[in-house]
Amino acid sequence: MRAALAGHDIATVFRLIQGLGYSQNAIGTLIGLSQPEVSSILHGRRVRSYAVLARIGSGLGIPPGHLGVAWCACPDHGRPGPAGSAEADPA
């Protein structure tokens, strides 16, 4: 799993999760993707978007660092963006 995450091989991650009994619908629900989008990834579509990788990590409870995203502005994580960025915590 860690190697697949580090390589952004989300198809392998999804297959491993399916091996635990989760359907494409269930995976999509967890991460905010439709079943056809999950199927598309399983059939070879690469996930390149930082926002989608962060959402996958958040929905599956994967620490952002395991996906190579050092921080995440997802509301679920409650972590600020890097200092000086538009997404940094103003406090």
C-alpha atoms as a PDB file:
ATOM      1  CA  MET A   1       0.000   0.000   0.000  1.00  0.00           C
ATOM      2  CA  ARG A   2       2.739   2.490   0.970  1.00  0.00           C
ATOM      3  CA  ALA A   3       4.574   1.993  -2.343  1.00  0.00           C
ATOM      4  CA  ALA A   4       1.351   2.512  -4.304  1.00  0.00           C
ATOM      5  CA  LEU A   5       0.577   5.660  -2.331  1.00  0.00           C
ATOM      6  CA  ALA A   6       4.069   7.079  -2.782  1.00  0.00           C
ATOM      7  CA  GLY A   7       3.867   6.410  -6.528  1.00  0.00           C
ATOM      8  CA  HIS A   8       0.350   7.881  -6.775  1.00  0.00           C
ATOM      9  CA  ASP A   9      -0.790   4.501  -8.100  1.00  0.00           C
ATOM     10  CA  ILE A  10      -4.350   5.076  -7.000  1.00  0.00           C
ATOM     11  CA  ALA A  11      -5.665   2.164  -9.087  1.00  0.00           C
ATOM     12  CA  THR A  12      -3.630  -0.226  -6.933  1.00  0.00           C
ATOM     13  CA  VAL A  13      -4.819   1.527  -3.764  1.00  0.00           C
ATOM     14  CA  PHE A  14      -8.426   1.127  -4.921  1.00  0.00           C
ATOM     15  CA  ARG A  15      -7.848  -2.559  -5.771  1.00  0.00           C
ATOM     16  CA  LEU A  16      -6.415  -3.189  -2.312  1.00  0.00           C
ATOM     17  CA  ILE A  17      -9.438  -1.503  -0.756  1.00  0.00           C
ATOM     18  CA  GLN A  18     -11.764  -3.562  -2.959  1.00  0.00           C
ATOM     19  CA  GLY A  19      -9.977  -6.633  -1.601  1.00  0.00           C
ATOM     20  CA  LEU A  20     -11.265  -5.600   1.819  1.00  0.00           C
ATOM     21  CA  GLY A  21     -14.831  -5.791   0.514  1.00  0.00           C
ATOM     22  CA  TYR A  22     -15.466  -2.185  -0.543  1.00  0.00           C
ATOM     23  CA  SER A  23     -17.350  -1.611  -3.786  1.00  0.00           C
ATOM     24  CA  GLN A  24     -16.542   1.106  -6.302  1.00  0.00           C
ATOM     25  CA  ASN A  25     -19.621   2.950  -5.034  1.00  0.00           C
ATOM     26  CA  ALA A  26     -18.410   2.761  -1.432  1.00  0.00           C
ATOM     27  CA  ILE A  27     -14.924   3.989  -2.359  1.00  0.00           C
ATOM     28  CA  GLY A  28     -16.436   6.860  -4.333  1.00  0.00           C
ATOM     29  CA  THR A  29     -18.689   7.830  -1.463  1.00  0.00           C
ATOM     30  CA  LEU A  30     -15.739   7.943   0.937  1.00  0.00           C
ATOM     31  CA  ILE A  31     -13.695  10.242  -1.270  1.00  0.00           C
ATOM     32  CA  GLY A  32     -16.330  12.243  -3.115  1.00  0.00           C
ATOM     33  CA  LEU A  33     -15.996  10.662  -6.557  1.00  0.00           C
ATOM     34  CA  SER A  34     -18.699   9.026  -8.627  1.00  0.00           C
ATOM     35  CA  GLN A  35     -18.582   5.292  -9.317  1.00  0.00           C
ATOM     36  CA  PRO A  36     -17.699   5.950 -12.991  1.00  0.00           C
ATOM     37  CA  GLU A  37     -14.746   8.100 -11.880  1.00  0.00           C
ATOM     38  CA  VAL A  38     -13.528   5.319  -9.575  1.00  0.00           C
ATOM     39  CA  SER A  39     -13.924   2.829 -12.427  1.00  0.00           C
ATOM     40  CA  SER A  40     -11.984   5.115 -14.760  1.00  0.00           C
ATOM     41  CA  ILE A  41      -9.092   5.246 -12.286  1.00  0.00           C
ATOM     42  CA  LEU A  42      -9.197   1.465 -11.882  1.00  0.00           C
ATOM     43  CA  HIS A  43      -8.944   1.150 -15.671  1.00  0.00           C
ATOM     44  CA  GLY A  44      -5.859   3.304 -15.996  1.00  0.00           C
ATOM     45  CA  ARG A  45      -6.729   6.965 -15.611  1.00  0.00           C
ATOM     46  CA  ARG A  46      -3.949   8.598 -13.578  1.00  0.00           C
ATOM     47  CA  VAL A  47      -4.750  10.957 -10.727  1.00  0.00           C
ATOM     48  CA  ARG A  48      -2.526  14.004 -11.123  1.00  0.00           C
ATOM     49  CA  SER A  49      -4.538  16.702  -9.367  1.00  0.00           C
ATOM     50  CA  TYR A  50      -3.285  17.735  -5.943  1.00  0.00           C
ATOM     51  CA  ALA A  51      -6.857  18.464  -4.857  1.00  0.00           C
ATOM     52  CA  VAL A  52      -8.049  14.974  -5.827  1.00  0.00           C
ATOM     53  CA  LEU A  53      -5.054  13.314  -4.141  1.00  0.00           C
ATOM     54  CA  ALA A  54      -5.755  15.322  -0.986  1.00  0.00           C
ATOM     55  CA  ARG A  55      -9.439  14.330  -1.118  1.00  0.00           C
ATOM     56  CA  ILE A  56      -8.513  10.663  -1.544  1.00  0.00           C
ATOM     57  CA  GLY A  57      -6.178  10.884   1.434  1.00  0.00           C
ATOM     58  CA  SER A  58      -8.767  12.662   3.541  1.00  0.00           C
ATOM     59  CA  GLY A  59     -11.619  10.301   2.633  1.00  0.00           C
ATOM     60  CA  LEU A  60      -9.574   7.166   3.236  1.00  0.00           C
ATOM     61  CA  GLY A  61      -7.836   8.429   6.371  1.00  0.00           C
ATOM     62  CA  ILE A  62      -4.414   8.384   4.722  1.00  0.00           C
ATOM     63  CA  PRO A  63      -1.879  10.854   6.148  1.00  0.00           C
ATOM     64  CA  PRO A  64      -1.078  13.487   3.482  1.00  0.00           C
ATOM     65  CA  GLY A  65       2.638  12.672   3.613  1.00  0.00           C
ATOM     66  CA  HIS A  66       1.983   9.106   2.431  1.00  0.00           C
ATOM     67  CA  LEU A  67       0.614  10.570  -0.807  1.00  0.00           C
ATOM     68  CA  GLY A  68       3.426  13.071  -1.144  1.00  0.00           C
ATOM     69  CA  VAL A  69       1.262  16.029  -0.234  1.00  0.00           C
ATOM     70  CA  ALA A  70       2.994  17.721   2.662  1.00  0.00           C
ATOM     71  CA  TRP A  71      -0.037  19.691   3.779  1.00  0.00           C
ATOM     72  CA  CYS A  72      -3.688  19.756   3.030  1.00  0.00           C
ATOM     73  CA  ALA A  73      -6.183  22.600   3.160  1.00  0.00           C
ATOM     74  CA  CYS A  74      -9.077  20.132   3.331  1.00  0.00           C
ATOM     75  CA  PRO A  75     -11.586  21.210   5.988  1.00  0.00           C
ATOM     76  CA  ASP A  76     -11.523  17.675   7.420  1.00  0.00           C
ATOM     77  CA  HIS A  77      -7.845  17.979   8.275  1.00  0.00           C
ATOM     78  CA  GLY A  78      -8.016  21.466   9.729  1.00  0.00           C
ATOM     79  CA  ARG A  79      -4.370  22.053   8.832  1.00  0.00           C
ATOM     80  CA  PRO A  80      -3.211  25.382   7.445  1.00  0.00           C
ATOM     81  CA  GLY A  81      -1.422  25.773   4.154  1.00  0.00           C
ATOM     82  CA  PRO A  82       2.231  26.768   4.011  1.00  0.00           C
ATOM     83  CA  ALA A  83       3.189  30.124   5.532  1.00  0.00           C
ATOM     84  CA  GLY A  84       2.595  33.010   3.171  1.00  0.00           C
ATOM     85  CA  SER A  85       0.116  31.143   0.978  1.00  0.00           C
ATOM     86  CA  ALA A  86      -3.431  32.273   0.356  1.00  0.00           C
ATOM     87  CA  GLU A  87      -4.577  29.173   2.243  1.00  0.00           C
ATOM     88  CA  ALA A  88      -2.426  29.759   5.305  1.00  0.00           C
ATOM     89  CA  ASP A  89      -4.135  30.189   8.640  1.00  0.00           C
ATOM     90  CA  PRO A  90      -4.544  33.959   9.203  1.00  0.00           C
ATOM     91  CA  ALA A  91      -4.233  33.630  12.983  1.00  0.00           C
END
